[in-house]
Structure formats: C-alpha cells, structure tokens
Protein backbone atom coordinates (compact mmCIF):
# COMPACT_ATOMS: atom_id res chain seq x y z
CA MET A 1 -75.60 -51.77 15.60
CA THR A 2 -74.20 -53.13 19.04
CA ARG A 3 -71.22 -51.29 20.60
CA PHE A 4 -68.68 -54.07 19.17
CA ASP A 5 -70.00 -53.95 15.80
CA TRP A 6 -69.59 -50.09 16.06
CA PHE A 7 -65.74 -50.70 16.89
CA ILE A 8 -65.03 -53.18 14.20
CA PHE A 9 -66.69 -50.88 11.74
CA ALA A 10 -64.71 -48.00 13.06
CA LYS A 11 -60.88 -49.69 12.08
CA ALA A 12 -59.17 -48.02 9.13
CA MET A 13 -56.07 -49.43 7.55
CA ALA A 14 -53.03 -47.39 8.70
CA PHE A 15 -49.56 -48.36 6.59
CA GLN A 16 -45.74 -47.38 7.60
CA THR A 17 -42.90 -47.63 5.78
CA VAL A 18 -39.47 -47.55 7.33
CA ARG A 19 -35.06 -47.63 6.26
CA GLY A 20 -32.93 -47.45 8.08
CA LYS A 21 -28.59 -48.53 8.25
CA LEU A 22 -27.15 -50.23 11.53
CA THR A 23 -23.68 -50.78 11.95
CA CYS A 24 -21.42 -52.45 14.46
CA ASN A 25 -18.30 -50.51 15.71
CA GLY A 26 -18.47 -48.69 12.43
CA LYS A 27 -18.99 -51.80 9.96
CA PRO A 28 -22.03 -52.74 8.42
CA ALA A 29 -24.34 -55.16 10.84
CA ALA A 30 -25.62 -57.97 8.37
CA GLY A 31 -28.02 -60.14 9.70
CA VAL A 32 -29.63 -58.24 12.15
CA ARG A 33 -33.48 -58.54 13.18
CA VAL A 34 -35.38 -55.90 12.39
CA LYS A 35 -39.16 -55.30 13.00
CA LEU A 36 -42.04 -53.07 12.74
CA TYR A 37 -44.83 -53.27 15.50
CA ASP A 38 -47.70 -50.73 16.36
CA SER A 39 -47.76 -50.46 19.83
CA ASP A 40 -51.51 -51.22 21.13
CA ASN A 41 -51.94 -49.55 24.38
CA SER A 42 -55.68 -50.84 24.86
CA PHE A 43 -58.25 -48.31 26.40
CA LEU A 44 -61.06 -50.73 27.45
CA PRO A 45 -60.44 -51.90 31.07
CA GLY A 46 -59.71 -55.43 31.77
CA VAL A 47 -58.61 -55.81 28.05
CA VAL A 48 -55.00 -56.79 27.28
CA ASP A 49 -53.72 -56.16 23.69
CA THR A 50 -50.54 -57.27 22.20
CA ASP A 51 -48.40 -55.24 20.32
CA ASP A 52 -48.88 -55.61 16.49
CA LEU A 53 -46.28 -57.40 14.58
CA MET A 54 -46.47 -55.35 10.70
CA ALA A 55 -43.10 -56.46 9.19
CA SER A 56 -40.31 -58.13 9.69
CA GLY A 57 -36.82 -58.77 7.95
CA LYS A 58 -33.01 -58.41 8.39
CA THR A 59 -30.52 -56.34 7.50
CA ASP A 60 -28.37 -57.21 4.32
CA SER A 61 -24.88 -57.23 3.79
CA ASN A 62 -24.33 -53.48 3.85
CA GLY A 63 -26.40 -53.14 7.24
CA GLU A 64 -29.30 -51.58 5.36
CA TYR A 65 -32.96 -52.80 6.16
CA SER A 66 -36.59 -51.46 4.66
CA LEU A 67 -39.40 -52.92 6.13
CA SER A 68 -43.44 -52.25 4.73
CA GLY A 69 -46.41 -53.14 7.14
CA SER A 70 -50.43 -52.37 7.84
CA THR A 71 -52.34 -52.78 10.36
CA LYS A 72 -56.25 -51.94 11.39
CA GLU A 73 -56.96 -49.99 14.31
CA ILE A 74 -59.86 -48.40 15.98
CA THR A 75 -57.42 -45.51 16.67
CA GLY A 76 -54.30 -44.44 14.97
CA ILE A 77 -51.08 -46.58 15.27
CA GLU A 78 -48.23 -45.69 17.37
CA PRO A 79 -45.01 -47.35 15.41
CA TYR A 80 -42.03 -48.76 16.45
CA ILE A 81 -38.89 -50.48 14.93
CA ALA A 82 -37.51 -53.27 17.22
CA ILE A 83 -33.78 -54.05 16.62
CA TYR A 84 -32.56 -57.44 18.01
CA HIS A 85 -28.42 -57.98 17.81
CA ASP A 86 -25.44 -59.01 19.24
CA CYS A 87 -23.33 -56.44 18.61
CA ASN A 88 -20.29 -55.98 21.78
CA ASP A 89 -22.25 -58.77 23.57
CA GLY A 90 -19.55 -61.84 23.70
CA ILE A 91 -21.17 -65.08 24.98
CA LYS A 92 -23.92 -63.41 26.74
CA PRO A 93 -27.72 -65.63 26.25
CA CYS A 94 -30.16 -64.19 24.09
CA GLN A 95 -30.07 -61.06 22.40
CA ARG A 96 -29.52 -57.01 23.18
CA THR A 97 -32.39 -55.17 22.23
CA PHE A 98 -33.84 -51.69 21.85
CA ARG A 99 -36.53 -49.90 20.34
CA VAL A 100 -37.01 -46.77 17.87
CA GLY A 101 -40.18 -44.78 17.88
CA VAL A 102 -41.91 -43.71 14.23
CA PRO A 103 -42.96 -40.32 14.28
CA SER A 104 -47.03 -40.26 13.36
CA LYS A 105 -46.15 -37.73 10.55
CA TYR A 106 -44.92 -41.03 8.60
CA VAL A 107 -48.21 -43.10 9.04
CA THR A 108 -50.49 -43.02 6.00
CA SER A 109 -54.10 -44.43 5.54
CA GLY A 110 -55.38 -45.46 2.54
CA LYS A 111 -54.00 -48.46 0.18
CA GLU A 112 -50.46 -47.79 0.39
CA PRO A 113 -47.90 -46.08 2.34
CA LYS A 114 -47.17 -42.41 0.91
CA SER A 115 -44.04 -41.50 2.81
CA THR A 116 -41.34 -43.59 4.72
CA TYR A 117 -39.55 -42.62 7.70
CA GLU A 118 -35.56 -42.41 7.36
CA ALA A 119 -33.83 -43.70 10.99
CA GLY A 120 -30.28 -43.32 9.77
CA GLN A 121 -27.28 -44.95 10.34
CA LEU A 122 -27.67 -46.14 13.94
CA GLU A 123 -24.71 -47.70 15.75
CA LEU A 124 -25.10 -50.76 17.20
CA ALA A 125 -21.73 -50.69 19.79
CA GLY A 126 -23.51 -48.56 22.25
CA LYS A 127 -26.05 -49.00 24.71
CA TYR A 128 -29.42 -47.33 24.17
CA PRO A 129 -32.24 -45.91 26.53
CA LYS A 130 -34.62 -48.62 28.17
CA GLU A 131 -32.24 -51.51 26.05
CA GLY A 132 -32.75 -54.89 27.07
CA ARG A 133 -32.52 -58.22 26.39
CA SER A 134 -34.57 -60.59 24.50
CA CYS A 135 -34.68 -64.99 23.92
CA LEU A 136 -37.56 -64.58 21.85
CA ASN A 137 -37.30 -62.93 18.65
C-alpha cells in the first residue's frame, strides 16, 4: 500500500448540523444565503485545498435556517457557517459576508449527526469581525 492509498483509506465521514435565526434591524431576515463549510488547511507542502461545501440554503420567512452536511476528511473537520446578506447595505455591489465558527464538540462521526449546533439569533445590521464582500455565493 502506498502513502497515497493510506490517505484515501484513512478518510472518515464527519457530520454536522447547525441551526439559527438571522435578523436585520430586529426583523426576520428572509431569503439570506447560509452555507456550511469545512475549512481545509492542507498539511501537505505545495497542495492547495479549497474549503468543502457541506450544505447550502436560505433563511425562511422567520429568518430561520437549518443545515446538515457531511464530508470525508483525513483529519477532523473544522466547520464554519458563512452568511451572505444585504442588510443595511444600500446599493453597494455584491453582498456582505462573514463566518461563524462551529465548536468541534458538535462534529460527529458515523452515519448521521448526533448533535446540533444552535448558533442562536444573529443581528445582521452590525459589523462582524473579518467581515468582507462576496460576489460569488
């Protein structure tokens, strides 16, 4: 068995479920794009590994979302929620975006998620650390 074969063999399935609510100026933020990613920081020299999209959806009329996703990784996953919105954005191009990290204790292995990360209610009107803009979401 080569090293490459060992890496493929060693990959394990990891699952994640997240849930939360988004508001804009205190009102439900409906139709906001929410994505669940696994952050991939390659440990192999010279290898660029993009983050894995595990799930994607939009908030409902109450501003609520629920996403479940999975991915196969050699090491544990480092999930985060990416939120793309136009709250208090005027006519600027693209969308405001920021990330919310998911604690590793909510990541489960096996055939289905065993716990749900409750992200709670987030107000989109304010500015978040490391907030940016995205035209491709």
